[in-house]
Amino acid sequence: LEAREELSRKNVYLMRLEQLYPFPKRPLMKELARFPNAEIYWCQEEPQNMGAWWFAMPRVELVLKKIGHKCKRPRYFGRPESASTATGSLAVHRLEQEKLVRDALGLRAPEAAE
């Protein structure tokens, strides 16, 4: 949210899913129906195999299908699968966090130094 406001990205809508069970299908259907042509991203700070992605993804797909949304499956943005919840390195953690935020806001990553 802070980065979105700082960069004035008014074309990005952020929604936080606070409850996973029972899965809030109806409220999610109502909210996502407001944006029938939007790209849908799932963003999480946890590694892909540890957060809610694998639980929520098929349920979000079902919601998108029921409302006839253009998007059929959310795109995942977050840390890659890992045996540990943390990288063990603050510098790596910060890089991963910056990438997650850039991806979520639809920003290109800076060009790698050659």
PDB file of N, CA and C in Angstrom:
ATOM      1  N   LEU A   1       0.829  -1.185   0.000  1.00  0.00           N
ATOM      2  CA  LEU A   1       0.000   0.000   0.000  1.00  0.00           C
ATOM      3  C   LEU A   1       0.874   1.249   0.000  1.00  0.00           C
ATOM      4  N   GLU A   2       1.900   1.224   0.835  1.00  0.00           N
ATOM      5  CA  GLU A   2       2.807   2.371   0.919  1.00  0.00           C
ATOM      6  C   GLU A   2       3.471   2.650  -0.429  1.00  0.00           C
ATOM      7  N   ALA A   3       3.965   1.606  -1.088  1.00  0.00           N
ATOM      8  CA  ALA A   3       4.623   1.783  -2.390  1.00  0.00           C
ATOM      9  C   ALA A   3       3.625   2.238  -3.444  1.00  0.00           C
ATOM     10  N   ARG A   4       2.415   1.702  -3.417  1.00  0.00           N
ATOM     11  CA  ARG A   4       1.396   2.102  -4.382  1.00  0.00           C
ATOM     12  C   ARG A   4       1.091   3.588  -4.256  1.00  0.00           C
ATOM     13  N   GLU A   5       0.942   4.055  -3.026  1.00  0.00           N
ATOM     14  CA  GLU A   5       0.656   5.471  -2.810  1.00  0.00           C
ATOM     15  C   GLU A   5       1.848   6.346  -3.176  1.00  0.00           C
ATOM     16  N   GLU A   6       3.029   5.899  -2.809  1.00  0.00           N
ATOM     17  CA  GLU A   6       4.250   6.647  -3.112  1.00  0.00           C
ATOM     18  C   GLU A   6       4.439   6.810  -4.622  1.00  0.00           C
ATOM     19  N   LEU A   7       4.065   5.774  -5.384  1.00  0.00           N
ATOM     20  CA  LEU A   7       4.231   5.791  -6.840  1.00  0.00           C
ATOM     21  C   LEU A   7       2.972   6.244  -7.577  1.00  0.00           C
ATOM     22  N   SER A   8       1.937   6.613  -6.831  1.00  0.00           N
ATOM     23  CA  SER A   8       0.657   7.051  -7.406  1.00  0.00           C
ATOM     24  C   SER A   8       0.110   6.052  -8.418  1.00  0.00           C
ATOM     25  N   ARG A   9       0.134   4.772  -8.067  1.00  0.00           N
ATOM     26  CA  ARG A   9      -0.385   3.714  -8.947  1.00  0.00           C
ATOM     27  C   ARG A   9      -1.886   3.553  -8.684  1.00  0.00           C
ATOM     28  N   LYS A  10      -2.672   4.450  -9.254  1.00  0.00           N
ATOM     29  CA  LYS A  10      -4.114   4.437  -9.003  1.00  0.00           C
ATOM     30  C   LYS A  10      -4.832   3.336  -9.777  1.00  0.00           C
ATOM     31  N   ASN A  11      -4.144   2.685 -10.683  1.00  0.00           N
ATOM     32  CA  ASN A  11      -4.767   1.601 -11.449  1.00  0.00           C
ATOM     33  C   ASN A  11      -4.554   0.236 -10.789  1.00  0.00           C
ATOM     34  N   VAL A  12      -4.066   0.234  -9.566  1.00  0.00           N
ATOM     35  CA  VAL A  12      -3.842  -1.007  -8.821  1.00  0.00           C
ATOM     36  C   VAL A  12      -4.755  -0.997  -7.607  1.00  0.00           C
ATOM     37  N   TYR A  13      -5.603  -2.015  -7.523  1.00  0.00           N
ATOM     38  CA  TYR A  13      -6.510  -2.171  -6.391  1.00  0.00           C
ATOM     39  C   TYR A  13      -5.961  -3.275  -5.499  1.00  0.00           C
ATOM     40  N   LEU A  14      -5.822  -2.995  -4.216  1.00  0.00           N
ATOM     41  CA  LEU A  14      -5.316  -3.982  -3.267  1.00  0.00           C
ATOM     42  C   LEU A  14      -6.462  -4.493  -2.415  1.00  0.00           C
ATOM     43  N   MET A  15      -6.524  -5.795  -2.291  1.00  0.00           N
ATOM     44  CA  MET A  15      -7.538  -6.404  -1.440  1.00  0.00           C
ATOM     45  C   MET A  15      -6.845  -7.433  -0.562  1.00  0.00           C
ATOM     46  N   ARG A  16      -7.108  -7.371   0.710  1.00  0.00           N
ATOM     47  CA  ARG A  16      -6.501  -8.308   1.651  1.00  0.00           C
ATOM     48  C   ARG A  16      -7.543  -9.356   2.013  1.00  0.00           C
ATOM     49  N   LEU A  17      -7.165 -10.609   1.889  1.00  0.00           N
ATOM     50  CA  LEU A  17      -8.033 -11.712   2.280  1.00  0.00           C
ATOM     51  C   LEU A  17      -7.680 -12.073   3.714  1.00  0.00           C
ATOM     52  N   GLU A  18      -8.542 -11.697   4.637  1.00  0.00           N
ATOM     53  CA  GLU A  18      -8.263 -11.893   6.060  1.00  0.00           C
ATOM     54  C   GLU A  18      -8.715 -13.250   6.577  1.00  0.00           C
ATOM     55  N   GLN A  19      -9.701 -13.826   5.928  1.00  0.00           N
ATOM     56  CA  GLN A  19     -10.265 -15.087   6.397  1.00  0.00           C
ATOM     57  C   GLN A  19     -10.101 -16.142   5.310  1.00  0.00           C
ATOM     58  N   LEU A  20      -9.556 -17.283   5.682  1.00  0.00           N
ATOM     59  CA  LEU A  20      -9.382 -18.349   4.703  1.00  0.00           C
ATOM     60  C   LEU A  20     -10.415 -19.461   4.861  1.00  0.00           C
ATOM     61  N   TYR A  21     -10.898 -19.648   6.100  1.00  0.00           N
ATOM     62  CA  TYR A  21     -11.881 -20.698   6.300  1.00  0.00           C
ATOM     63  C   TYR A  21     -12.914 -20.258   7.322  1.00  0.00           C
ATOM     64  N   PRO A  22     -14.202 -20.369   7.054  1.00  0.00           N
ATOM     65  CA  PRO A  22     -14.687 -20.784   5.745  1.00  0.00           C
ATOM     66  C   PRO A  22     -14.330 -19.735   4.701  1.00  0.00           C
ATOM     67  N   PHE A  23     -14.009 -20.206   3.508  1.00  0.00           N
ATOM     68  CA  PHE A  23     -13.549 -19.313   2.450  1.00  0.00           C
ATOM     69  C   PHE A  23     -14.669 -18.326   2.094  1.00  0.00           C
ATOM     70  N   PRO A  24     -14.354 -17.035   2.025  1.00  0.00           N
ATOM     71  CA  PRO A  24     -15.380 -16.005   1.801  1.00  0.00           C
ATOM     72  C   PRO A  24     -15.783 -15.863   0.325  1.00  0.00           C
ATOM     73  N   LYS A  25     -16.398 -16.903  -0.227  1.00  0.00           N
ATOM     74  CA  LYS A  25     -16.738 -16.905  -1.662  1.00  0.00           C
ATOM     75  C   LYS A  25     -17.644 -15.738  -2.053  1.00  0.00           C
ATOM     76  N   ARG A  26     -18.731 -15.564  -1.337  1.00  0.00           N
ATOM     77  CA  ARG A  26     -19.696 -14.519  -1.726  1.00  0.00           C
ATOM     78  C   ARG A  26     -19.093 -13.112  -1.663  1.00  0.00           C
ATOM     79  N   PRO A  27     -18.443 -12.745  -0.555  1.00  0.00           N
ATOM     80  CA  PRO A  27     -17.835 -11.408  -0.537  1.00  0.00           C
ATOM     81  C   PRO A  27     -16.769 -11.236  -1.629  1.00  0.00           C
ATOM     82  N   LEU A  28     -16.012 -12.289  -1.892  1.00  0.00           N
ATOM     83  CA  LEU A  28     -14.985 -12.205  -2.927  1.00  0.00           C
ATOM     84  C   LEU A  28     -15.621 -12.065  -4.305  1.00  0.00           C
ATOM     85  N   MET A  29     -16.716 -12.804  -4.550  1.00  0.00           N
ATOM     86  CA  MET A  29     -17.429 -12.686  -5.823  1.00  0.00           C
ATOM     87  C   MET A  29     -17.921 -11.251  -6.018  1.00  0.00           C
ATOM     88  N   LYS A  30     -18.515 -10.700  -4.980  1.00  0.00           N
ATOM     89  CA  LYS A  30     -19.039  -9.335  -5.060  1.00  0.00           C
ATOM     90  C   LYS A  30     -17.936  -8.325  -5.360  1.00  0.00           C
ATOM     91  N   GLU A  31     -16.822  -8.479  -4.676  1.00  0.00           N
ATOM     92  CA  GLU A  31     -15.719  -7.519  -4.834  1.00  0.00           C
ATOM     93  C   GLU A  31     -15.050  -7.657  -6.206  1.00  0.00           C
ATOM     94  N   LEU A  32     -14.740  -8.884  -6.609  1.00  0.00           N
ATOM     95  CA  LEU A  32     -14.041  -9.081  -7.892  1.00  0.00           C
ATOM     96  C   LEU A  32     -14.936  -8.785  -9.092  1.00  0.00           C
ATOM     97  N   ALA A  33     -16.248  -8.916  -8.942  1.00  0.00           N
ATOM     98  CA  ALA A  33     -17.172  -8.608 -10.037  1.00  0.00           C
ATOM     99  C   ALA A  33     -17.108  -7.130 -10.422  1.00  0.00           C
ATOM    100  N   ARG A  34     -16.616  -6.307  -9.541  1.00  0.00           N
ATOM    101  CA  ARG A  34     -16.460  -4.872  -9.837  1.00  0.00           C
ATOM    102  C   ARG A  34     -15.387  -4.618 -10.889  1.00  0.00           C
ATOM    103  N   PHE A  35     -14.507  -5.607 -11.095  1.00  0.00           N
ATOM    104  CA  PHE A  35     -13.372  -5.438 -11.996  1.00  0.00           C
ATOM    105  C   PHE A  35     -13.324  -6.604 -12.991  1.00  0.00           C
ATOM    106  N   PRO A  36     -14.297  -6.719 -13.893  1.00  0.00           N
ATOM    107  CA  PRO A  36     -14.430  -7.913 -14.732  1.00  0.00           C
ATOM    108  C   PRO A  36     -13.281  -8.152 -15.711  1.00  0.00           C
ATOM    109  N   ASN A  37     -12.505  -7.138 -16.011  1.00  0.00           N
ATOM    110  CA  ASN A  37     -11.414  -7.291 -16.983  1.00  0.00           C
ATOM    111  C   ASN A  37     -10.032  -7.124 -16.370  1.00  0.00           C
ATOM    112  N   ALA A  38      -9.982  -7.064 -15.054  1.00  0.00           N
ATOM    113  CA  ALA A  38      -8.702  -6.830 -14.370  1.00  0.00           C
ATOM    114  C   ALA A  38      -7.833  -8.079 -14.374  1.00  0.00           C
ATOM    115  N   GLU A  39      -6.540  -7.858 -14.320  1.00  0.00           N
ATOM    116  CA  GLU A  39      -5.617  -8.951 -14.055  1.00  0.00           C
ATOM    117  C   GLU A  39      -5.667  -9.189 -12.552  1.00  0.00           C
ATOM    118  N   ILE A  40      -5.645 -10.449 -12.154  1.00  0.00           N
ATOM    119  CA  ILE A  40      -5.725 -10.792 -10.735  1.00  0.00           C
ATOM    120  C   ILE A  40      -4.400 -11.404 -10.307  1.00  0.00           C
ATOM    121  N   TYR A  41      -3.820 -10.845  -9.267  1.00  0.00           N
ATOM    122  CA  TYR A  41      -2.558 -11.339  -8.729  1.00  0.00           C
ATOM    123  C   TYR A  41      -2.772 -11.812  -7.301  1.00  0.00           C
ATOM    124  N   TRP A  42      -2.094 -12.882  -6.935  1.00  0.00           N
ATOM    125  CA  TRP A  42      -2.045 -13.326  -5.537  1.00  0.00           C
ATOM    126  C   TRP A  42      -0.650 -12.986  -5.052  1.00  0.00           C
ATOM    127  N   CYS A  43      -0.560 -12.166  -4.033  1.00  0.00           N
ATOM    128  CA  CYS A  43       0.741 -11.769  -3.493  1.00  0.00           C
ATOM    129  C   CYS A  43       0.829 -12.213  -2.045  1.00  0.00           C
ATOM    130  N   GLN A  44       1.963 -12.791  -1.715  1.00  0.00           N
ATOM    131  CA  GLN A  44       2.185 -13.173  -0.317  1.00  0.00           C
ATOM    132  C   GLN A  44       3.667 -13.095  -0.013  1.00  0.00           C
ATOM    133  N   GLU A  45       3.977 -12.813   1.223  1.00  0.00           N
ATOM    134  CA  GLU A  45       5.366 -12.709   1.644  1.00  0.00           C
ATOM    135  C   GLU A  45       5.983 -14.060   1.934  1.00  0.00           C
ATOM    136  N   GLU A  46       5.172 -15.034   2.329  1.00  0.00           N
ATOM    137  CA  GLU A  46       5.706 -16.357   2.628  1.00  0.00           C
ATOM    138  C   GLU A  46       6.146 -17.048   1.340  1.00  0.00           C
ATOM    139  N   PRO A  47       7.059 -18.010   1.456  1.00  0.00           N
ATOM    140  CA  PRO A  47       7.400 -18.806   0.274  1.00  0.00           C
ATOM    141  C   PRO A  47       6.143 -19.490  -0.281  1.00  0.00           C
ATOM    142  N   GLN A  48       6.181 -19.789  -1.555  1.00  0.00           N
ATOM    143  CA  GLN A  48       5.007 -20.311  -2.247  1.00  0.00           C
ATOM    144  C   GLN A  48       4.426 -21.558  -1.585  1.00  0.00           C
ATOM    145  N   ASN A  49       5.272 -22.400  -1.029  1.00  0.00           N
ATOM    146  CA  ASN A  49       4.791 -23.640  -0.419  1.00  0.00           C
ATOM    147  C   ASN A  49       4.364 -23.465   1.042  1.00  0.00           C
ATOM    148  N   MET A  50       4.388 -22.247   1.570  1.00  0.00           N
ATOM    149  CA  MET A  50       4.061 -22.049   2.987  1.00  0.00           C
ATOM    150  C   MET A  50       2.876 -21.138   3.239  1.00  0.00           C
ATOM    151  N   GLY A  51       2.580 -20.254   2.364  1.00  0.00           N
ATOM    152  CA  GLY A  51       1.471 -19.335   2.582  1.00  0.00           C
ATOM    153  C   GLY A  51       0.152 -19.953   2.170  1.00  0.00           C
ATOM    154  N   ALA A  52      -0.820 -19.119   1.946  1.00  0.00           N
ATOM    155  CA  ALA A  52      -2.183 -19.566   1.645  1.00  0.00           C
ATOM    156  C   ALA A  52      -2.412 -19.879   0.172  1.00  0.00           C
ATOM    157  N   TRP A  53      -1.420 -19.628  -0.690  1.00  0.00           N
ATOM    158  CA  TRP A  53      -1.589 -19.788  -2.129  1.00  0.00           C
ATOM    159  C   TRP A  53      -2.207 -21.115  -2.527  1.00  0.00           C
ATOM    160  N   TRP A  54      -1.668 -22.231  -2.109  1.00  0.00           N
ATOM    161  CA  TRP A  54      -2.151 -23.538  -2.562  1.00  0.00           C
ATOM    162  C   TRP A  54      -3.542 -23.852  -2.027  1.00  0.00           C
ATOM    163  N   PHE A  55      -3.905 -23.288  -0.894  1.00  0.00           N
ATOM    164  CA  PHE A  55      -5.259 -23.470  -0.372  1.00  0.00           C
ATOM    165  C   PHE A  55      -6.245 -22.560  -1.119  1.00  0.00           C
ATOM    166  N   ALA A  56      -5.879 -21.311  -1.280  1.00  0.00           N
ATOM    167  CA  ALA A  56      -6.796 -20.314  -1.822  1.00  0.00           C
ATOM    168  C   ALA A  56      -6.942 -20.382  -3.340  1.00  0.00           C
ATOM    169  N   MET A  57      -5.888 -20.763  -4.043  1.00  0.00           N
ATOM    170  CA  MET A  57      -5.896 -20.692  -5.506  1.00  0.00           C
ATOM    171  C   MET A  57      -7.088 -21.395  -6.150  1.00  0.00           C
ATOM    172  N   PRO A  58      -7.395 -22.661  -5.832  1.00  0.00           N
ATOM    173  CA  PRO A  58      -8.547 -23.283  -6.500  1.00  0.00           C
ATOM    174  C   PRO A  58      -9.869 -22.622  -6.115  1.00  0.00           C
ATOM    175  N   ARG A  59      -9.948 -22.064  -4.935  1.00  0.00           N
ATOM    176  CA  ARG A  59     -11.169 -21.393  -4.505  1.00  0.00           C
ATOM    177  C   ARG A  59     -11.340 -20.059  -5.219  1.00  0.00           C
ATOM    178  N   VAL A  60     -10.245 -19.338  -5.409  1.00  0.00           N
ATOM    179  CA  VAL A  60     -10.308 -18.088  -6.161  1.00  0.00           C
ATOM    180  C   VAL A  60     -10.643 -18.394  -7.623  1.00  0.00           C
ATOM    181  N   GLU A  61     -10.062 -19.445  -8.180  1.00  0.00           N
ATOM    182  CA  GLU A  61     -10.402 -19.843  -9.553  1.00  0.00           C
ATOM    183  C   GLU A  61     -11.899 -20.100  -9.687  1.00  0.00           C
ATOM    184  N   LEU A  62     -12.486 -20.792  -8.723  1.00  0.00           N
ATOM    185  CA  LEU A  62     -13.921 -21.081  -8.747  1.00  0.00           C
ATOM    186  C   LEU A  62     -14.733 -19.787  -8.694  1.00  0.00           C
ATOM    187  N   VAL A  63     -14.323 -18.857  -7.848  1.00  0.00           N
ATOM    188  CA  VAL A  63     -15.002 -17.561  -7.761  1.00  0.00           C
ATOM    189  C   VAL A  63     -14.927 -16.847  -9.104  1.00  0.00           C
ATOM    190  N   LEU A  64     -13.756 -16.818  -9.717  1.00  0.00           N
ATOM    191  CA  LEU A  64     -13.591 -16.143 -11.008  1.00  0.00           C
ATOM    192  C   LEU A  64     -14.472 -16.786 -12.074  1.00  0.00           C
ATOM    193  N   LYS A  65     -14.545 -18.096 -12.057  1.00  0.00           N
ATOM    194  CA  LYS A  65     -15.382 -18.816 -13.022  1.00  0.00           C
ATOM    195  C   LYS A  65     -16.857 -18.478 -12.807  1.00  0.00           C
ATOM    196  N   LYS A  66     -17.306 -18.478 -11.571  1.00  0.00           N
ATOM    197  CA  LYS A  66     -18.713 -18.213 -11.261  1.00  0.00           C
ATOM    198  C   LYS A  66     -19.157 -16.813 -11.677  1.00  0.00           C
ATOM    199  N   ILE A  67     -18.254 -15.845 -11.613  1.00  0.00           N
ATOM    200  CA  ILE A  67     -18.633 -14.480 -11.997  1.00  0.00           C
ATOM    201  C   ILE A  67     -18.309 -14.184 -13.461  1.00  0.00           C
ATOM    202  N   GLY A  68     -17.783 -15.171 -14.183  1.00  0.00           N
ATOM    203  CA  GLY A  68     -17.462 -14.974 -15.599  1.00  0.00           C
ATOM    204  C   GLY A  68     -16.348 -13.973 -15.822  1.00  0.00           C
ATOM    205  N   HIS A  69     -15.398 -13.953 -14.923  1.00  0.00           N
ATOM    206  CA  HIS A  69     -14.281 -12.999 -15.001  1.00  0.00           C
ATOM    207  C   HIS A  69     -13.355 -13.340 -16.157  1.00  0.00           C
ATOM    208  N   LYS A  70     -12.758 -12.320 -16.734  1.00  0.00           N
ATOM    209  CA  LYS A  70     -11.793 -12.509 -17.824  1.00  0.00           C
ATOM    210  C   LYS A  70     -10.605 -13.351 -17.371  1.00  0.00           C
ATOM    211  N   CYS A  71     -10.148 -13.111 -16.159  1.00  0.00           N
ATOM    212  CA  CYS A  71      -9.011 -13.838 -15.607  1.00  0.00           C
ATOM    213  C   CYS A  71      -9.489 -15.201 -15.103  1.00  0.00           C
ATOM    214  N   LYS A  72      -8.805 -16.241 -15.478  1.00  0.00           N
ATOM    215  CA  LYS A  72      -9.209 -17.587 -15.067  1.00  0.00           C
ATOM    216  C   LYS A  72      -8.453 -18.077 -13.833  1.00  0.00           C
ATOM    217  N   ARG A  73      -7.236 -17.568 -13.651  1.00  0.00           N
ATOM    218  CA  ARG A  73      -6.418 -17.985 -12.515  1.00  0.00           C
ATOM    219  C   ARG A  73      -5.534 -16.818 -12.084  1.00  0.00           C
ATOM    220  N   PRO A  74      -5.471 -16.548 -10.786  1.00  0.00           N
ATOM    221  CA  PRO A  74      -4.596 -15.468 -10.335  1.00  0.00           C
ATOM    222  C   PRO A  74      -3.133 -15.803 -10.642  1.00  0.00           C
ATOM    223  N   ARG A  75      -2.373 -14.790 -10.896  1.00  0.00           N
ATOM    224  CA  ARG A  75      -0.926 -14.964 -11.091  1.00  0.00           C
ATOM    225  C   ARG A  75      -0.252 -14.811  -9.735  1.00  0.00           C
ATOM    226  N   TYR A  76       0.664 -15.721  -9.442  1.00  0.00           N
ATOM    227  CA  TYR A  76       1.334 -15.721  -8.138  1.00  0.00           C
ATOM    228  C   TYR A  76       2.537 -14.791  -8.144  1.00  0.00           C
ATOM    229  N   PHE A  77       2.609 -13.939  -7.128  1.00  0.00           N
ATOM    230  CA  PHE A  77       3.800 -13.137  -6.867  1.00  0.00           C
ATOM    231  C   PHE A  77       4.173 -13.341  -5.412  1.00  0.00           C
ATOM    232  N   GLY A  78       5.370 -13.790  -5.199  1.00  0.00           N
ATOM    233  CA  GLY A  78       5.848 -14.011  -3.845  1.00  0.00           C
ATOM    234  C   GLY A  78       7.190 -14.705  -3.894  1.00  0.00           C
ATOM    235  N   ARG A  79       7.619 -15.140  -2.770  1.00  0.00           N
ATOM    236  CA  ARG A  79       8.905 -15.825  -2.709  1.00  0.00           C
ATOM    237  C   ARG A  79       8.768 -17.226  -3.289  1.00  0.00           C
ATOM    238  N   PRO A  80       9.833 -17.730  -3.899  1.00  0.00           N
ATOM    239  CA  PRO A  80       9.774 -19.095  -4.442  1.00  0.00           C
ATOM    240  C   PRO A  80       9.686 -20.124  -3.315  1.00  0.00           C
ATOM    241  N   GLU A  81       9.360 -21.345  -3.676  1.00  0.00           N
ATOM    242  CA  GLU A  81       9.301 -22.416  -2.682  1.00  0.00           C
ATOM    243  C   GLU A  81      10.628 -22.504  -1.937  1.00  0.00           C
ATOM    244  N   SER A  82      10.529 -22.876  -0.666  1.00  0.00           N
ATOM    245  CA  SER A  82      11.722 -22.911   0.174  1.00  0.00           C
ATOM    246  C   SER A  82      11.497 -23.856   1.344  1.00  0.00           C
ATOM    247  N   ALA A  83      12.579 -24.413   1.847  1.00  0.00           N
ATOM    248  CA  ALA A  83      12.492 -25.266   3.032  1.00  0.00           C
ATOM    249  C   ALA A  83      12.399 -24.434   4.305  1.00  0.00           C
ATOM    250  N   SER A  84      12.684 -23.142   4.189  1.00  0.00           N
ATOM    251  CA  SER A  84      12.691 -22.259   5.349  1.00  0.00           C
ATOM    252  C   SER A  84      11.786 -21.065   5.087  1.00  0.00           C
ATOM    253  N   THR A  85      11.184 -20.548   6.142  1.00  0.00           N
ATOM    254  CA  THR A  85      10.328 -19.370   5.983  1.00  0.00           C
ATOM    255  C   THR A  85      11.129 -18.098   5.738  1.00  0.00           C
ATOM    256  N   ALA A  86      12.381 -18.101   6.118  1.00  0.00           N
ATOM    257  CA  ALA A  86      13.226 -16.916   5.971  1.00  0.00           C
ATOM    258  C   ALA A  86      14.503 -17.273   5.225  1.00  0.00           C
ATOM    259  N   THR A  87      15.059 -16.279   4.540  1.00  0.00           N
ATOM    260  CA  THR A  87      16.277 -16.515   3.774  1.00  0.00           C
ATOM    261  C   THR A  87      17.510 -16.651   4.659  1.00  0.00           C
ATOM    262  N   GLY A  88      17.452 -16.058   5.839  1.00  0.00           N
ATOM    263  CA  GLY A  88      18.623 -16.058   6.718  1.00  0.00           C
ATOM    264  C   GLY A  88      19.550 -14.892   6.423  1.00  0.00           C
ATOM    265  N   SER A  89      19.185 -14.076   5.440  1.00  0.00           N
ATOM    266  CA  SER A  89      19.988 -12.926   5.067  1.00  0.00           C
ATOM    267  C   SER A  89      19.065 -11.721   4.909  1.00  0.00           C
ATOM    268  N   LEU A  90      19.325 -10.682   5.676  1.00  0.00           N
ATOM    269  CA  LEU A  90      18.505  -9.481   5.583  1.00  0.00           C
ATOM    270  C   LEU A  90      18.593  -8.866   4.188  1.00  0.00           C
ATOM    271  N   ALA A  91      19.778  -8.877   3.600  1.00  0.00           N
ATOM    272  CA  ALA A  91      19.953  -8.303   2.265  1.00  0.00           C
ATOM    273  C   ALA A  91      19.121  -9.063   1.231  1.00  0.00           C
ATOM    274  N   VAL A  92      19.141 -10.384   1.286  1.00  0.00           N
ATOM    275  CA  VAL A  92      18.349 -11.196   0.345  1.00  0.00           C
ATOM    276  C   VAL A  92      16.863 -10.977   0.606  1.00  0.00           C
ATOM    277  N   HIS A  93      16.478 -10.935   1.875  1.00  0.00           N
ATOM    278  CA  HIS A  93      15.079 -10.689   2.227  1.00  0.00           C
ATOM    279  C   HIS A  93      14.598  -9.372   1.625  1.00  0.00           C
ATOM    280  N   ARG A  94      15.397  -8.327   1.752  1.00  0.00           N
ATOM    281  CA  ARG A  94      15.014  -7.008   1.219  1.00  0.00           C
ATOM    282  C   ARG A  94      14.880  -7.045  -0.301  1.00  0.00           C
ATOM    283  N   LEU A  95      15.801  -7.729  -0.973  1.00  0.00           N
ATOM    284  CA  LEU A  95      15.716  -7.858  -2.433  1.00  0.00           C
ATOM    285  C   LEU A  95      14.446  -8.598  -2.837  1.00  0.00           C
ATOM    286  N   GLU A  96      14.147  -9.680  -2.147  1.00  0.00           N
ATOM    287  CA  GLU A  96      12.933 -10.445  -2.446  1.00  0.00           C
ATOM    288  C   GLU A  96      11.684  -9.600  -2.203  1.00  0.00           C
ATOM    289  N   GLN A  97      11.681  -8.840  -1.128  1.00  0.00           N
ATOM    290  CA  GLN A  97      10.534  -7.995  -0.803  1.00  0.00           C
ATOM    291  C   GLN A  97      10.353  -6.906  -1.854  1.00  0.00           C
ATOM    292  N   GLU A  98      11.430  -6.294  -2.278  1.00  0.00           N
ATOM    293  CA  GLU A  98      11.351  -5.254  -3.309  1.00  0.00           C
ATOM    294  C   GLU A  98      10.806  -5.832  -4.616  1.00  0.00           C
ATOM    295  N   LYS A  99      11.256  -7.029  -4.983  1.00  0.00           N
ATOM    296  CA  LYS A  99      10.773  -7.673  -6.198  1.00  0.00           C
ATOM    297  C   LYS A  99       9.286  -7.975  -6.091  1.00  0.00           C
ATOM    298  N   LEU A 100       8.865  -8.489  -4.944  1.00  0.00           N
ATOM    299  CA  LEU A 100       7.445  -8.791  -4.739  1.00  0.00           C
ATOM    300  C   LEU A 100       6.599  -7.530  -4.915  1.00  0.00           C
ATOM    301  N   VAL A 101       7.022  -6.437  -4.334  1.00  0.00           N
ATOM    302  CA  VAL A 101       6.266  -5.184  -4.433  1.00  0.00           C
ATOM    303  C   VAL A 101       6.258  -4.677  -5.871  1.00  0.00           C
ATOM    304  N   ARG A 102       7.400  -4.704  -6.547  1.00  0.00           N
ATOM    305  CA  ARG A 102       7.451  -4.272  -7.959  1.00  0.00           C
ATOM    306  C   ARG A 102       6.509  -5.116  -8.811  1.00  0.00           C
ATOM    307  N   ASP A 103       6.567  -6.438  -8.624  1.00  0.00           N
ATOM    308  CA  ASP A 103       5.712  -7.337  -9.397  1.00  0.00           C
ATOM    309  C   ASP A 103       4.240  -7.039  -9.138  1.00  0.00           C
ATOM    310  N   ALA A 104       3.881  -6.873  -7.880  1.00  0.00           N
ATOM    311  CA  ALA A 104       2.489  -6.620  -7.517  1.00  0.00           C
ATOM    312  C   ALA A 104       1.973  -5.313  -8.102  1.00  0.00           C
ATOM    313  N   LEU A 105       2.842  -4.347  -8.268  1.00  0.00           N
ATOM    314  CA  LEU A 105       2.436  -3.054  -8.816  1.00  0.00           C
ATOM    315  C   LEU A 105       2.609  -2.980 -10.323  1.00  0.00           C
ATOM    316  N   GLY A 106       3.027  -4.086 -10.934  1.00  0.00           N
ATOM    317  CA  GLY A 106       3.183  -4.115 -12.387  1.00  0.00           C
ATOM    318  C   GLY A 106       4.359  -3.291 -12.887  1.00  0.00           C
ATOM    319  N   LEU A 107       5.397  -3.205 -12.087  1.00  0.00           N
ATOM    320  CA  LEU A 107       6.589  -2.430 -12.466  1.00  0.00           C
ATOM    321  C   LEU A 107       7.664  -3.357 -12.984  1.00  0.00           C
ATOM    322  N   ARG A 108       8.388  -2.921 -13.971  1.00  0.00           N
ATOM    323  CA  ARG A 108       9.508  -3.703 -14.478  1.00  0.00           C
ATOM    324  C   ARG A 108      10.657  -3.668 -13.483  1.00  0.00           C
ATOM    325  N   ALA A 109      11.327  -4.783 -13.384  1.00  0.00           N
ATOM    326  CA  ALA A 109      12.523  -4.830 -12.537  1.00  0.00           C
ATOM    327  C   ALA A 109      13.619  -3.993 -13.180  1.00  0.00           C
ATOM    328  N   PRO A 110      14.446  -3.343 -12.364  1.00  0.00           N
ATOM    329  CA  PRO A 110      15.560  -2.599 -12.948  1.00  0.00           C
ATOM    330  C   PRO A 110      16.481  -3.531 -13.706  1.00  0.00           C
ATOM    331  N   GLU A 111      17.089  -3.017 -14.755  1.00  0.00           N
ATOM    332  CA  GLU A 111      17.991  -3.821 -15.570  1.00  0.00           C
ATOM    333  C   GLU A 111      19.184  -4.282 -14.733  1.00  0.00           C
ATOM    334  N   ALA A 112      19.533  -5.522 -14.912  1.00  0.00           N
ATOM    335  CA  ALA A 112      20.677  -6.071 -14.173  1.00  0.00           C
ATOM    336  C   ALA A 112      21.962  -5.437 -14.681  1.00  0.00           C
ATOM    337  N   ALA A 113      22.851  -5.167 -13.762  1.00  0.00           N
ATOM    338  CA  ALA A 113      24.156  -4.610 -14.140  1.00  0.00           C
ATOM    339  C   ALA A 113      24.958  -5.667 -14.876  1.00  0.00           C
ATOM    340  N   GLU A 114      25.611  -5.234 -15.943  1.00  0.00           N
ATOM    341  CA  GLU A 114      26.408  -6.199 -16.721  1.00  0.00           C
ATOM    342  C   GLU A 114      27.859  -6.074 -16.401  1.00  0.00           C
TER     343      GLU A 114
END
